[in-house]
C-alpha cells in the first residue's frame, strides 16, 4: 500500500471513530466552576486533586478532592475534615447532592473558561 493510500485509510478511520456515539471523552471535574448561589464564587478543580477559590487577583487553595464509588465526590478542607456529595456532571454543569437525603441538591455550578 502506497503512502497516499495509507494516509487516506488513516483519515477515514479517524473520521469514523469520531462519528461513533460514545467515543467522546467523558466530562471532567477539572476546570473552573461558578457557584449559582448569590455569592457566585468561582472554584478551579485542578488535575492534582486541589480546589482553588478564584477571586479577582487572589487565588487560594480551599479543598482537596477525590472521586469515590463512581459518583461520589469527597472534599477535604485544610484541617483534613471531609464532606461527601453525590455529583452529576455534564460538559457545562456540576450538581452536588446530599448523600443523606436523596434528591436534595446542595449546590449547582456552571463551567467557566
C-alpha atoms as a PDB file:
ATOM      1  CA  UNK A   1       0.000   0.000   0.000  1.00  0.00           C
ATOM      2  CA  UNK A   2       1.424   3.349  -1.031  1.00  0.00           C
ATOM      3  CA  UNK A   3       1.881   6.270   1.363  1.00  0.00           C
ATOM      4  CA  UNK A   4      -1.029   8.196  -0.173  1.00  0.00           C
ATOM      5  CA  UNK A   5      -3.474   5.310   0.271  1.00  0.00           C
ATOM      6  CA  UNK A   6      -2.219   4.753   3.818  1.00  0.00           C
ATOM      7  CA  UNK A   7      -2.966   8.421   4.666  1.00  0.00           C
ATOM      8  CA  UNK A   8      -6.464   8.169   3.191  1.00  0.00           C
ATOM      9  CA  UNK A   9      -7.177   4.986   5.185  1.00  0.00           C
ATOM     10  CA  UNK A  10      -5.876   6.644   8.362  1.00  0.00           C
ATOM     11  CA  UNK A  11      -8.072   9.730   7.841  1.00  0.00           C
ATOM     12  CA  UNK A  12     -11.138   7.582   7.140  1.00  0.00           C
ATOM     13  CA  UNK A  13     -10.516   5.537  10.305  1.00  0.00           C
ATOM     14  CA  UNK A  14     -10.142   8.711  12.376  1.00  0.00           C
ATOM     15  CA  UNK A  15     -13.305  10.243  10.913  1.00  0.00           C
ATOM     16  CA  UNK A  16     -15.212   7.020  11.600  1.00  0.00           C
ATOM     17  CA  UNK A  17     -14.053   6.885  15.209  1.00  0.00           C
ATOM     18  CA  UNK A  18     -15.148  10.472  15.815  1.00  0.00           C
ATOM     19  CA  UNK A  19     -18.557   9.785  14.296  1.00  0.00           C
ATOM     20  CA  UNK A  20     -19.323   6.794  16.539  1.00  0.00           C
ATOM     21  CA  UNK A  21     -21.517   7.754  19.505  1.00  0.00           C
ATOM     22  CA  UNK A  22     -19.855   7.171  22.849  1.00  0.00           C
ATOM     23  CA  UNK A  23     -16.319   7.730  21.573  1.00  0.00           C
ATOM     24  CA  UNK A  24     -16.118  11.187  23.058  1.00  0.00           C
ATOM     25  CA  UNK A  25     -14.298  11.738  26.324  1.00  0.00           C
ATOM     26  CA  UNK A  26     -16.408  11.857  29.463  1.00  0.00           C
ATOM     27  CA  UNK A  27     -16.853  15.271  31.111  1.00  0.00           C
ATOM     28  CA  UNK A  28     -14.251  16.018  33.765  1.00  0.00           C
ATOM     29  CA  UNK A  29     -14.287  17.932  37.038  1.00  0.00           C
ATOM     30  CA  UNK A  30     -11.031  19.623  36.061  1.00  0.00           C
ATOM     31  CA  UNK A  31     -11.695  23.261  35.202  1.00  0.00           C
ATOM     32  CA  UNK A  32     -13.418  26.332  36.576  1.00  0.00           C
ATOM     33  CA  UNK A  33     -16.901  26.177  38.090  1.00  0.00           C
ATOM     34  CA  UNK A  34     -19.009  29.140  39.199  1.00  0.00           C
ATOM     35  CA  UNK A  35     -21.493  28.695  42.018  1.00  0.00           C
ATOM     36  CA  UNK A  36     -25.095  29.579  41.073  1.00  0.00           C
ATOM     37  CA  UNK A  37     -25.749  30.988  44.558  1.00  0.00           C
ATOM     38  CA  UNK A  38     -25.923  34.773  45.065  1.00  0.00           C
ATOM     39  CA  UNK A  39     -22.252  34.703  46.133  1.00  0.00           C
ATOM     40  CA  UNK A  40     -21.312  33.351  42.660  1.00  0.00           C
ATOM     41  CA  UNK A  41     -17.950  32.037  43.889  1.00  0.00           C
ATOM     42  CA  UNK A  42     -15.565  30.670  41.289  1.00  0.00           C
ATOM     43  CA  UNK A  43     -13.709  27.430  42.025  1.00  0.00           C
ATOM     44  CA  UNK A  44     -10.991  25.753  39.999  1.00  0.00           C
ATOM     45  CA  UNK A  45     -10.643  21.969  40.197  1.00  0.00           C
ATOM     46  CA  UNK A  46      -7.103  21.031  39.213  1.00  0.00           C
ATOM     47  CA  UNK A  47      -5.667  17.751  37.951  1.00  0.00           C
ATOM     48  CA  UNK A  48      -3.546  17.415  41.099  1.00  0.00           C
ATOM     49  CA  UNK A  49      -6.684  16.969  43.247  1.00  0.00           C
ATOM     50  CA  UNK A  50      -6.777  20.504  44.629  1.00  0.00           C
ATOM     51  CA  UNK A  51      -9.630  23.010  44.525  1.00  0.00           C
ATOM     52  CA  UNK A  52      -8.816  26.715  44.449  1.00  0.00           C
ATOM     53  CA  UNK A  53     -11.056  29.700  45.140  1.00  0.00           C
ATOM     54  CA  UNK A  54     -10.582  32.363  42.458  1.00  0.00           C
ATOM     55  CA  UNK A  55     -11.425  35.945  43.482  1.00  0.00           C
ATOM     56  CA  UNK A  56     -10.152  38.827  41.379  1.00  0.00           C
ATOM     57  CA  UNK A  57      -6.365  38.867  41.880  1.00  0.00           C
ATOM     58  CA  UNK A  58      -6.422  36.324  44.732  1.00  0.00           C
ATOM     59  CA  UNK A  59      -6.264  32.564  44.269  1.00  0.00           C
ATOM     60  CA  UNK A  60      -6.477  30.422  47.420  1.00  0.00           C
ATOM     61  CA  UNK A  61      -6.368  26.651  47.899  1.00  0.00           C
ATOM     62  CA  UNK A  62      -9.548  25.647  49.757  1.00  0.00           C
ATOM     63  CA  UNK A  63     -10.013  21.888  49.328  1.00  0.00           C
ATOM     64  CA  UNK A  64      -8.522  18.648  48.134  1.00  0.00           C
ATOM     65  CA  UNK A  65     -10.874  16.325  46.284  1.00  0.00           C
ATOM     66  CA  UNK A  66     -11.246  12.765  45.155  1.00  0.00           C
ATOM     67  CA  UNK A  67     -13.901  10.812  43.328  1.00  0.00           C
ATOM     68  CA  UNK A  68     -15.014   7.717  45.230  1.00  0.00           C
ATOM     69  CA  UNK A  69     -17.517   4.993  44.302  1.00  0.00           C
ATOM     70  CA  UNK A  70     -18.150   6.382  40.811  1.00  0.00           C
ATOM     71  CA  UNK A  71     -20.450   9.329  41.502  1.00  0.00           C
ATOM     72  CA  UNK A  72     -19.343  10.415  44.976  1.00  0.00           C
ATOM     73  CA  UNK A  73     -17.161  13.499  45.332  1.00  0.00           C
ATOM     74  CA  UNK A  74     -15.227  13.810  48.586  1.00  0.00           C
ATOM     75  CA  UNK A  75     -13.902  17.245  49.583  1.00  0.00           C
ATOM     76  CA  UNK A  76     -11.243  17.664  52.295  1.00  0.00           C
ATOM     77  CA  UNK A  77     -10.749  21.056  53.932  1.00  0.00           C
ATOM     78  CA  UNK A  78      -7.421  22.361  55.261  1.00  0.00           C
ATOM     79  CA  UNK A  79      -7.937  20.531  58.561  1.00  0.00           C
ATOM     80  CA  UNK A  80      -8.490  17.206  56.786  1.00  0.00           C
ATOM     81  CA  UNK A  81     -12.228  17.123  57.525  1.00  0.00           C
ATOM     82  CA  UNK A  82     -14.225  15.582  54.742  1.00  0.00           C
ATOM     83  CA  UNK A  83     -17.632  16.124  53.203  1.00  0.00           C
ATOM     84  CA  UNK A  84     -19.029  13.748  50.631  1.00  0.00           C
ATOM     85  CA  UNK A  85     -21.602  14.519  47.962  1.00  0.00           C
ATOM     86  CA  UNK A  86     -23.202  12.657  45.092  1.00  0.00           C
ATOM     87  CA  UNK A  87     -22.326  14.557  41.935  1.00  0.00           C
ATOM     88  CA  UNK A  88     -23.777  14.804  38.447  1.00  0.00           C
ATOM     89  CA  UNK A  89     -21.631  16.243  35.698  1.00  0.00           C
ATOM     90  CA  UNK A  90     -22.116  17.403  32.120  1.00  0.00           C
ATOM     91  CA  UNK A  91     -19.784  19.479  29.970  1.00  0.00           C
ATOM     92  CA  UNK A  92     -21.385  22.676  31.300  1.00  0.00           C
ATOM     93  CA  UNK A  93     -22.986  21.840  34.686  1.00  0.00           C
ATOM     94  CA  UNK A  94     -21.942  20.333  38.009  1.00  0.00           C
ATOM     95  CA  UNK A  95     -24.549  19.438  40.633  1.00  0.00           C
ATOM     96  CA  UNK A  96     -23.738  18.312  44.180  1.00  0.00           C
ATOM     97  CA  UNK A  97     -26.453  16.467  46.102  1.00  0.00           C
ATOM     98  CA  UNK A  98     -26.618  15.359  49.717  1.00  0.00           C
ATOM     99  CA  UNK A  99     -25.785  11.721  50.351  1.00  0.00           C
ATOM    100  CA  UNK A 100     -28.027  11.507  53.413  1.00  0.00           C
ATOM    101  CA  UNK A 101     -31.123  12.944  51.692  1.00  0.00           C
ATOM    102  CA  UNK A 102     -31.874  11.579  48.238  1.00  0.00           C
ATOM    103  CA  UNK A 103     -32.700  14.261  45.691  1.00  0.00           C
ATOM    104  CA  UNK A 104     -31.699  17.215  47.887  1.00  0.00           C
ATOM    105  CA  UNK A 105     -29.381  19.486  45.903  1.00  0.00           C
ATOM    106  CA  UNK A 106     -26.576  21.065  47.914  1.00  0.00           C
ATOM    107  CA  UNK A 107     -25.044  23.267  45.196  1.00  0.00           C
ATOM    108  CA  UNK A 108     -25.063  23.862  41.435  1.00  0.00           C
ATOM    109  CA  UNK A 109     -22.242  25.197  39.299  1.00  0.00           C
ATOM    110  CA  UNK A 110     -21.708  26.317  35.708  1.00  0.00           C
ATOM    111  CA  UNK A 111     -18.441  25.688  33.844  1.00  0.00           C
ATOM    112  CA  UNK A 112     -16.442  28.820  33.101  1.00  0.00           C
ATOM    113  CA  UNK A 113     -13.489  29.339  30.767  1.00  0.00           C
END
